[in-house]
PDB file of N, CA and C in Angstrom:
ATOM      1  N   HIS A   1       5.019 147.138  -4.281  1.00  0.00           N
ATOM      2  CA  HIS A   1       4.206 145.924  -4.262  1.00  0.00           C
ATOM      3  C   HIS A   1       5.066 144.670  -4.345  1.00  0.00           C
ATOM      4  N   MET A   2       6.200 144.707  -3.715  1.00  0.00           N
ATOM      5  CA  MET A   2       7.099 143.555  -3.727  1.00  0.00           C
ATOM      6  C   MET A   2       6.771 142.664  -2.534  1.00  0.00           C
ATOM      7  N   ILE A   3       6.566 141.389  -2.810  1.00  0.00           N
ATOM      8  CA  ILE A   3       6.315 140.432  -1.733  1.00  0.00           C
ATOM      9  C   ILE A   3       7.649 139.825  -1.320  1.00  0.00           C
ATOM     10  N   ASN A   4       7.902 139.807  -0.037  1.00  0.00           N
ATOM     11  CA  ASN A   4       9.125 139.219   0.494  1.00  0.00           C
ATOM     12  C   ASN A   4       9.196 137.751   0.073  1.00  0.00           C
ATOM     13  N   PRO A   5      10.248 137.360  -0.661  1.00  0.00           N
ATOM     14  CA  PRO A   5      10.369 135.962  -1.102  1.00  0.00           C
ATOM     15  C   PRO A   5      10.358 134.960   0.049  1.00  0.00           C
ATOM     16  N   ASN A   6      10.738 135.398   1.237  1.00  0.00           N
ATOM     17  CA  ASN A   6      10.727 134.496   2.388  1.00  0.00           C
ATOM     18  C   ASN A   6       9.310 134.102   2.800  1.00  0.00           C
ATOM     19  N   LYS A   7       8.305 134.817   2.293  1.00  0.00           N
ATOM     20  CA  LYS A   7       6.909 134.491   2.597  1.00  0.00           C
ATOM     21  C   LYS A   7       6.471 133.213   1.890  1.00  0.00           C
ATOM     22  N   TYR A   8       7.245 132.771   0.890  1.00  0.00           N
ATOM     23  CA  TYR A   8       6.875 131.554   0.162  1.00  0.00           C
ATOM     24  C   TYR A   8       6.729 130.374   1.117  1.00  0.00           C
ATOM     25  N   ILE A   9       7.696 130.186   1.992  1.00  0.00           N
ATOM     26  CA  ILE A   9       7.655 129.035   2.897  1.00  0.00           C
ATOM     27  C   ILE A   9       6.475 129.166   3.863  1.00  0.00           C
ATOM     28  N   ASP A  10       6.167 130.401   4.284  1.00  0.00           N
ATOM     29  CA  ASP A  10       4.996 130.613   5.140  1.00  0.00           C
ATOM     30  C   ASP A  10       3.719 130.208   4.402  1.00  0.00           C
ATOM     31  N   PHE A  11       3.625 130.611   3.131  1.00  0.00           N
ATOM     32  CA  PHE A  11       2.450 130.248   2.332  1.00  0.00           C
ATOM     33  C   PHE A  11       2.387 128.738   2.140  1.00  0.00           C
ATOM     34  N   TYR A  12       3.521 128.139   1.842  1.00  0.00           N
ATOM     35  CA  TYR A  12       3.582 126.696   1.613  1.00  0.00           C
ATOM     36  C   TYR A  12       3.033 125.935   2.823  1.00  0.00           C
ATOM     37  N   TYR A  13       3.512 126.277   4.010  1.00  0.00           N
ATOM     38  CA  TYR A  13       3.061 125.569   5.215  1.00  0.00           C
ATOM     39  C   TYR A  13       1.594 125.857   5.531  1.00  0.00           C
ATOM     40  N   ALA A  14       1.168 127.102   5.342  1.00  0.00           N
ATOM     41  CA  ALA A  14      -0.238 127.431   5.593  1.00  0.00           C
ATOM     42  C   ALA A  14      -1.143 126.673   4.622  1.00  0.00           C
ATOM     43  N   ALA A  15      -0.744 126.592   3.357  1.00  0.00           N
ATOM     44  CA  ALA A  15      -1.541 125.867   2.360  1.00  0.00           C
ATOM     45  C   ALA A  15      -1.522 124.369   2.641  1.00  0.00           C
ATOM     46  N   LEU A  16      -0.378 123.860   3.062  1.00  0.00           N
ATOM     47  CA  LEU A  16      -0.243 122.440   3.360  1.00  0.00           C
ATOM     48  C   LEU A  16      -1.176 122.023   4.493  1.00  0.00           C
ATOM     49  N   HIS A  17      -1.357 122.897   5.456  1.00  0.00           N
ATOM     50  CA  HIS A  17      -2.196 122.582   6.607  1.00  0.00           C
ATOM     51  C   HIS A  17      -3.664 122.956   6.409  1.00  0.00           C
ATOM     52  N   TYR A  18      -3.990 123.564   5.291  1.00  0.00           N
ATOM     53  CA  TYR A  18      -5.374 123.935   5.003  1.00  0.00           C
ATOM     54  C   TYR A  18      -6.129 122.672   4.618  1.00  0.00           C
ATOM     55  N   LYS A  19      -7.215 122.379   5.278  1.00  0.00           N
ATOM     56  CA  LYS A  19      -7.890 121.086   5.117  1.00  0.00           C
ATOM     57  C   LYS A  19      -9.158 121.143   4.271  1.00  0.00           C
ATOM     58  N   GLN A  20      -9.449 122.282   3.678  1.00  0.00           N
ATOM     59  CA  GLN A  20     -10.652 122.390   2.862  1.00  0.00           C
ATOM     60  C   GLN A  20     -10.267 122.572   1.398  1.00  0.00           C
ATOM     61  N   GLN A  21     -11.276 122.647   0.538  1.00  0.00           N
ATOM     62  CA  GLN A  21     -11.019 122.833  -0.884  1.00  0.00           C
ATOM     63  C   GLN A  21     -10.524 124.259  -1.132  1.00  0.00           C
ATOM     64  N   PHE A  22      -9.544 124.383  -2.025  1.00  0.00           N
ATOM     65  CA  PHE A  22      -9.023 125.700  -2.362  1.00  0.00           C
ATOM     66  C   PHE A  22      -9.944 126.394  -3.359  1.00  0.00           C
ATOM     67  N   ASN A  23     -10.115 127.691  -3.142  1.00  0.00           N
ATOM     68  CA  ASN A  23     -10.803 128.555  -4.089  1.00  0.00           C
ATOM     69  C   ASN A  23     -10.205 129.951  -3.918  1.00  0.00           C
ATOM     70  N   ASP A  24     -10.671 130.906  -4.691  1.00  0.00           N
ATOM     71  CA  ASP A  24     -10.101 132.252  -4.609  1.00  0.00           C
ATOM     72  C   ASP A  24     -10.175 132.818  -3.194  1.00  0.00           C
ATOM     73  N   GLU A  25     -11.307 132.630  -2.550  1.00  0.00           N
ATOM     74  CA  GLU A  25     -11.507 133.162  -1.201  1.00  0.00           C
ATOM     75  C   GLU A  25     -10.545 132.530  -0.191  1.00  0.00           C
ATOM     76  N   SER A  26     -10.356 131.221  -0.271  1.00  0.00           N
ATOM     77  CA  SER A  26      -9.466 130.559   0.690  1.00  0.00           C
ATOM     78  C   SER A  26      -8.008 130.947   0.452  1.00  0.00           C
ATOM     79  N   ILE A  27      -7.618 131.101  -0.813  1.00  0.00           N
ATOM     80  CA  ILE A  27      -6.245 131.532  -1.109  1.00  0.00           C
ATOM     81  C   ILE A  27      -6.008 132.927  -0.535  1.00  0.00           C
ATOM     82  N   LEU A  28      -6.959 133.831  -0.746  1.00  0.00           N
ATOM     83  CA  LEU A  28      -6.811 135.183  -0.196  1.00  0.00           C
ATOM     84  C   LEU A  28      -6.754 135.157   1.327  1.00  0.00           C
ATOM     85  N   SER A  29      -7.519 134.294   1.949  1.00  0.00           N
ATOM     86  CA  SER A  29      -7.489 134.162   3.402  1.00  0.00           C
ATOM     87  C   SER A  29      -6.110 133.701   3.872  1.00  0.00           C
ATOM     88  N   ILE A  30      -5.538 132.741   3.158  1.00  0.00           N
ATOM     89  CA  ILE A  30      -4.209 132.240   3.525  1.00  0.00           C
ATOM     90  C   ILE A  30      -3.162 133.331   3.367  1.00  0.00           C
ATOM     91  N   ILE A  31      -3.173 134.047   2.241  1.00  0.00           N
ATOM     92  CA  ILE A  31      -2.131 135.063   2.044  1.00  0.00           C
ATOM     93  C   ILE A  31      -2.261 136.190   3.073  1.00  0.00           C
ATOM     94  N   LYS A  32      -3.487 136.533   3.426  1.00  0.00           N
ATOM     95  CA  LYS A  32      -3.675 137.564   4.451  1.00  0.00           C
ATOM     96  C   LYS A  32      -3.184 137.074   5.813  1.00  0.00           C
ATOM     97  N   SER A  33      -3.367 135.783   6.095  1.00  0.00           N
ATOM     98  CA  SER A  33      -2.958 135.235   7.394  1.00  0.00           C
ATOM     99  C   SER A  33      -1.445 135.234   7.579  1.00  0.00           C
ATOM    100  N   ILE A  34      -0.698 135.314   6.473  1.00  0.00           N
ATOM    101  CA  ILE A  34       0.766 135.334   6.581  1.00  0.00           C
ATOM    102  C   ILE A  34       1.335 136.733   6.340  1.00  0.00           C
ATOM    103  N   GLY A  35       0.439 137.730   6.313  1.00  0.00           N
ATOM    104  CA  GLY A  35       0.899 139.116   6.252  1.00  0.00           C
ATOM    105  C   GLY A  35       1.096 139.692   4.862  1.00  0.00           C
ATOM    106  N   ILE A  36       0.464 139.122   3.856  1.00  0.00           N
ATOM    107  CA  ILE A  36       0.533 139.669   2.500  1.00  0.00           C
ATOM    108  C   ILE A  36      -0.824 140.300   2.199  1.00  0.00           C
ATOM    109  N   THR A  37      -0.803 141.530   1.700  1.00  0.00           N
ATOM    110  CA  THR A  37      -2.071 142.180   1.379  1.00  0.00           C
ATOM    111  C   THR A  37      -2.628 141.626   0.071  1.00  0.00           C
ATOM    112  N   GLU A  38      -3.937 141.715  -0.060  1.00  0.00           N
ATOM    113  CA  GLU A  38      -4.590 141.252  -1.290  1.00  0.00           C
ATOM    114  C   GLU A  38      -4.060 142.029  -2.496  1.00  0.00           C
ATOM    115  N   GLU A  39      -3.857 143.326  -2.332  1.00  0.00           N
ATOM    116  CA  GLU A  39      -3.347 144.145  -3.434  1.00  0.00           C
ATOM    117  C   GLU A  39      -1.957 143.690  -3.861  1.00  0.00           C
ATOM    118  N   ASP A  40      -1.050 143.496  -2.896  1.00  0.00           N
ATOM    119  CA  ASP A  40       0.301 143.040  -3.234  1.00  0.00           C
ATOM    120  C   ASP A  40       0.264 141.684  -3.929  1.00  0.00           C
ATOM    121  N   PHE A  41      -0.595 140.805  -3.457  1.00  0.00           N
ATOM    122  CA  PHE A  41      -0.719 139.475  -4.049  1.00  0.00           C
ATOM    123  C   PHE A  41      -1.180 139.571  -5.501  1.00  0.00           C
ATOM    124  N   LYS A  42      -2.214 140.359  -5.745  1.00  0.00           N
ATOM    125  CA  LYS A  42      -2.753 140.482  -7.101  1.00  0.00           C
ATOM    126  C   LYS A  42      -1.769 141.162  -8.046  1.00  0.00           C
ATOM    127  N   VAL A  43      -1.062 142.174  -7.564  1.00  0.00           N
ATOM    128  CA  VAL A  43      -0.050 142.842  -8.384  1.00  0.00           C
ATOM    129  C   VAL A  43       1.072 141.865  -8.723  1.00  0.00           C
ATOM    130  N   SER A  44       1.504 141.100  -7.735  1.00  0.00           N
ATOM    131  CA  SER A  44       2.566 140.117  -7.959  1.00  0.00           C
ATOM    132  C   SER A  44       2.135 139.055  -8.966  1.00  0.00           C
ATOM    133  N   LEU A  45       0.902 138.575  -8.849  1.00  0.00           N
ATOM    134  CA  LEU A  45       0.391 137.594  -9.814  1.00  0.00           C
ATOM    135  C   LEU A  45       0.388 138.163 -11.222  1.00  0.00           C
ATOM    136  N   ALA A  46      -0.077 139.390 -11.360  1.00  0.00           N
ATOM    137  CA  ALA A  46      -0.141 140.017 -12.685  1.00  0.00           C
ATOM    138  C   ALA A  46       1.254 140.217 -13.270  1.00  0.00           C
ATOM    139  N   LYS A  47       2.194 140.690 -12.450  1.00  0.00           N
ATOM    140  CA  LYS A  47       3.557 140.937 -12.926  1.00  0.00           C
ATOM    141  C   LYS A  47       4.266 139.650 -13.322  1.00  0.00           C
ATOM    142  N   ASN A  48       3.919 138.555 -12.678  1.00  0.00           N
ATOM    143  CA  ASN A  48       4.623 137.294 -12.899  1.00  0.00           C
ATOM    144  C   ASN A  48       3.802 136.266 -13.669  1.00  0.00           C
ATOM    145  N   ALA A  49       2.704 136.685 -14.279  1.00  0.00           N
ATOM    146  CA  ALA A  49       1.780 135.754 -14.939  1.00  0.00           C
ATOM    147  C   ALA A  49       2.470 134.896 -15.997  1.00  0.00           C
ATOM    148  N   ASP A  50       3.296 135.503 -16.841  1.00  0.00           N
ATOM    149  CA  ASP A  50       3.965 134.726 -17.894  1.00  0.00           C
ATOM    150  C   ASP A  50       4.905 133.680 -17.307  1.00  0.00           C
ATOM    151  N   ALA A  51       5.689 134.068 -16.311  1.00  0.00           N
ATOM    152  CA  ALA A  51       6.620 133.124 -15.682  1.00  0.00           C
ATOM    153  C   ALA A  51       5.861 132.007 -14.975  1.00  0.00           C
ATOM    154  N   ILE A  52       4.752 132.345 -14.334  1.00  0.00           N
ATOM    155  CA  ILE A  52       3.938 131.338 -13.646  1.00  0.00           C
ATOM    156  C   ILE A  52       3.361 130.351 -14.649  1.00  0.00           C
ATOM    157  N   ASP A  53       2.813 130.872 -15.754  1.00  0.00           N
ATOM    158  CA  ASP A  53       2.255 130.002 -16.798  1.00  0.00           C
ATOM    159  C   ASP A  53       3.314 129.061 -17.368  1.00  0.00           C
ATOM    160  N   LYS A  54       4.517 129.585 -17.612  1.00  0.00           N
ATOM    161  CA  LYS A  54       5.605 128.750 -18.147  1.00  0.00           C
ATOM    162  C   LYS A  54       5.996 127.657 -17.156  1.00  0.00           C
ATOM    163  N   MET A  55       6.044 128.002 -15.867  1.00  0.00           N
ATOM    164  CA  MET A  55       6.408 127.024 -14.845  1.00  0.00           C
ATOM    165  C   MET A  55       5.359 125.917 -14.753  1.00  0.00           C
ATOM    166  N   ILE A  56       4.086 126.292 -14.803  1.00  0.00           N
ATOM    167  CA  ILE A  56       3.014 125.299 -14.746  1.00  0.00           C
ATOM    168  C   ILE A  56       3.070 124.393 -15.963  1.00  0.00           C
ATOM    169  N   GLN A  57       3.246 124.976 -17.148  1.00  0.00           N
ATOM    170  CA  GLN A  57       3.316 124.180 -18.374  1.00  0.00           C
ATOM    171  C   GLN A  57       4.511 123.230 -18.341  1.00  0.00           C
ATOM    172  N   SER A  58       5.645 123.722 -17.895  1.00  0.00           N
ATOM    173  CA  SER A  58       6.849 122.893 -17.803  1.00  0.00           C
ATOM    174  C   SER A  58       6.641 121.727 -16.838  1.00  0.00           C
ATOM    175  N   THR A  59       6.003 121.991 -15.712  1.00  0.00           N
ATOM    176  CA  THR A  59       5.737 120.945 -14.725  1.00  0.00           C
ATOM    177  C   THR A  59       4.769 119.908 -15.275  1.00  0.00           C
ATOM    178  N   ARG A  60       3.735 120.364 -15.980  1.00  0.00           N
ATOM    179  CA  ARG A  60       2.779 119.431 -16.599  1.00  0.00           C
ATOM    180  C   ARG A  60       3.469 118.541 -17.629  1.00  0.00           C
ATOM    181  N   GLU A  61       4.308 119.149 -18.455  1.00  0.00           N
ATOM    182  CA  GLU A  61       5.023 118.375 -19.477  1.00  0.00           C
ATOM    183  C   GLU A  61       5.935 117.339 -18.835  1.00  0.00           C
ATOM    184  N   LEU A  62       6.645 117.729 -17.789  1.00  0.00           N
ATOM    185  CA  LEU A  62       7.516 116.788 -17.090  1.00  0.00           C
ATOM    186  C   LEU A  62       6.706 115.633 -16.526  1.00  0.00           C
ATOM    187  N   ALA A  63       5.590 115.937 -15.874  1.00  0.00           N
ATOM    188  CA  ALA A  63       4.740 114.886 -15.301  1.00  0.00           C
ATOM    189  C   ALA A  63       4.240 113.937 -16.386  1.00  0.00           C
ATOM    190  N   GLN A  64       3.839 114.471 -17.526  1.00  0.00           N
ATOM    191  CA  GLN A  64       3.380 113.622 -18.626  1.00  0.00           C
ATOM    192  C   GLN A  64       4.513 112.757 -19.159  1.00  0.00           C
ATOM    193  N   ASN A  65       5.684 113.346 -19.301  1.00  0.00           N
ATOM    194  CA  ASN A  65       6.834 112.615 -19.845  1.00  0.00           C
ATOM    195  C   ASN A  65       7.264 111.451 -18.964  1.00  0.00           C
ATOM    196  N   ILE A  66       7.085 111.581 -17.662  1.00  0.00           N
ATOM    197  CA  ILE A  66       7.491 110.486 -16.772  1.00  0.00           C
ATOM    198  C   ILE A  66       6.285 109.757 -16.190  1.00  0.00           C
ATOM    199  N   ASN A  67       5.113 110.022 -16.780  1.00  0.00           N
ATOM    200  CA  ASN A  67       3.885 109.280 -16.500  1.00  0.00           C
ATOM    201  C   ASN A  67       3.391 109.416 -15.055  1.00  0.00           C
ATOM    202  N   ILE A  68       3.499 110.617 -14.514  1.00  0.00           N
ATOM    203  CA  ILE A  68       2.927 110.896 -13.197  1.00  0.00           C
ATOM    204  C   ILE A  68       1.510 111.396 -13.422  1.00  0.00           C
ATOM    205  N   ARG A  69       0.551 110.761 -12.749  1.00  0.00           N
ATOM    206  CA  ARG A  69      -0.849 111.098 -12.988  1.00  0.00           C
ATOM    207  C   ARG A  69      -1.591 111.539 -11.729  1.00  0.00           C
ATOM    208  N   GLY A  70      -0.893 111.706 -10.623  1.00  0.00           N
ATOM    209  CA  GLY A  70      -1.573 112.106  -9.397  1.00  0.00           C
ATOM    210  C   GLY A  70      -0.608 112.655  -8.377  1.00  0.00           C
ATOM    211  N   THR A  71      -1.160 113.069  -7.263  1.00  0.00           N
ATOM    212  CA  THR A  71      -0.343 113.573  -6.173  1.00  0.00           C
ATOM    213  C   THR A  71      -0.693 112.802  -4.906  1.00  0.00           C
ATOM    214  N   PRO A  72       0.204 112.691  -3.969  1.00  0.00           N
ATOM    215  CA  PRO A  72       1.564 113.200  -4.083  1.00  0.00           C
ATOM    216  C   PRO A  72       2.419 112.299  -4.960  1.00  0.00           C
ATOM    217  N   ALA A  73       3.413 112.884  -5.541  1.00  0.00           N
ATOM    218  CA  ALA A  73       4.391 112.154  -6.346  1.00  0.00           C
ATOM    219  C   ALA A  73       5.765 112.734  -6.019  1.00  0.00           C
ATOM    220  N   ILE A  74       6.644 111.901  -5.537  1.00  0.00           N
ATOM    221  CA  ILE A  74       7.970 112.347  -5.116  1.00  0.00           C
ATOM    222  C   ILE A  74       9.004 111.523  -5.858  1.00  0.00           C
ATOM    223  N   ILE A  75      10.033 112.200  -6.339  1.00  0.00           N
ATOM    224  CA  ILE A  75      11.137 111.509  -6.995  1.00  0.00           C
ATOM    225  C   ILE A  75      12.401 111.825  -6.213  1.00  0.00           C
ATOM    226  N   VAL A  76      13.066 110.775  -5.754  1.00  0.00           N
ATOM    227  CA  VAL A  76      14.328 110.916  -5.039  1.00  0.00           C
ATOM    228  C   VAL A  76      15.369 110.164  -5.849  1.00  0.00           C
ATOM    229  N   GLY A  77      16.318 110.915  -6.417  1.00  0.00           N
ATOM    230  CA  GLY A  77      17.283 110.278  -7.312  1.00  0.00           C
ATOM    231  C   GLY A  77      16.547 109.706  -8.504  1.00  0.00           C
ATOM    232  N   ASP A  78      16.632 108.394  -8.677  1.00  0.00           N
ATOM    233  CA  ASP A  78      15.929 107.704  -9.758  1.00  0.00           C
ATOM    234  C   ASP A  78      14.714 106.937  -9.255  1.00  0.00           C
ATOM    235  N   THR A  79      14.336 107.146  -8.003  1.00  0.00           N
ATOM    236  CA  THR A  79      13.246 106.381  -7.404  1.00  0.00           C
ATOM    237  C   THR A  79      11.971 107.216  -7.328  1.00  0.00           C
ATOM    238  N   PHE A  80      10.881 106.667  -7.860  1.00  0.00           N
ATOM    239  CA  PHE A  80       9.573 107.313  -7.806  1.00  0.00           C
ATOM    240  C   PHE A  80       8.810 106.790  -6.600  1.00  0.00           C
ATOM    241  N   ILE A  81       8.267 107.703  -5.803  1.00  0.00           N
ATOM    242  CA  ILE A  81       7.451 107.339  -4.647  1.00  0.00           C
ATOM    243  C   ILE A  81       6.076 107.969  -4.866  1.00  0.00           C
ATOM    244  N   GLY A  82       5.102 107.139  -5.173  1.00  0.00           N
ATOM    245  CA  GLY A  82       3.751 107.643  -5.428  1.00  0.00           C
ATOM    246  C   GLY A  82       2.894 107.552  -4.188  1.00  0.00           C
ATOM    247  N   GLY A  83       1.865 108.378  -4.142  1.00  0.00           N
ATOM    248  CA  GLY A  83       0.994 108.393  -2.978  1.00  0.00           C
ATOM    249  C   GLY A  83      -0.303 107.897  -3.300  1.00  0.00           C
TER     250      GLY A  83
END
């Protein structure tokens, strides 16, 4: 149940071009469209749940610390570019 790490960029672009609201069904549709099975996706999520939670928490803390309150938000060097 290992997902090829190279599929990340495929998912990123598919999600970026998705123009509707995300929900469980739409996420599953996207992962299937890039060749990942629902079972592999769910197993991967379960195996990596702690790491995913830590990454989300770390990102939230960083955003709060530098006062980012929306998206898109891009930082290049010391320059903040808000959307």
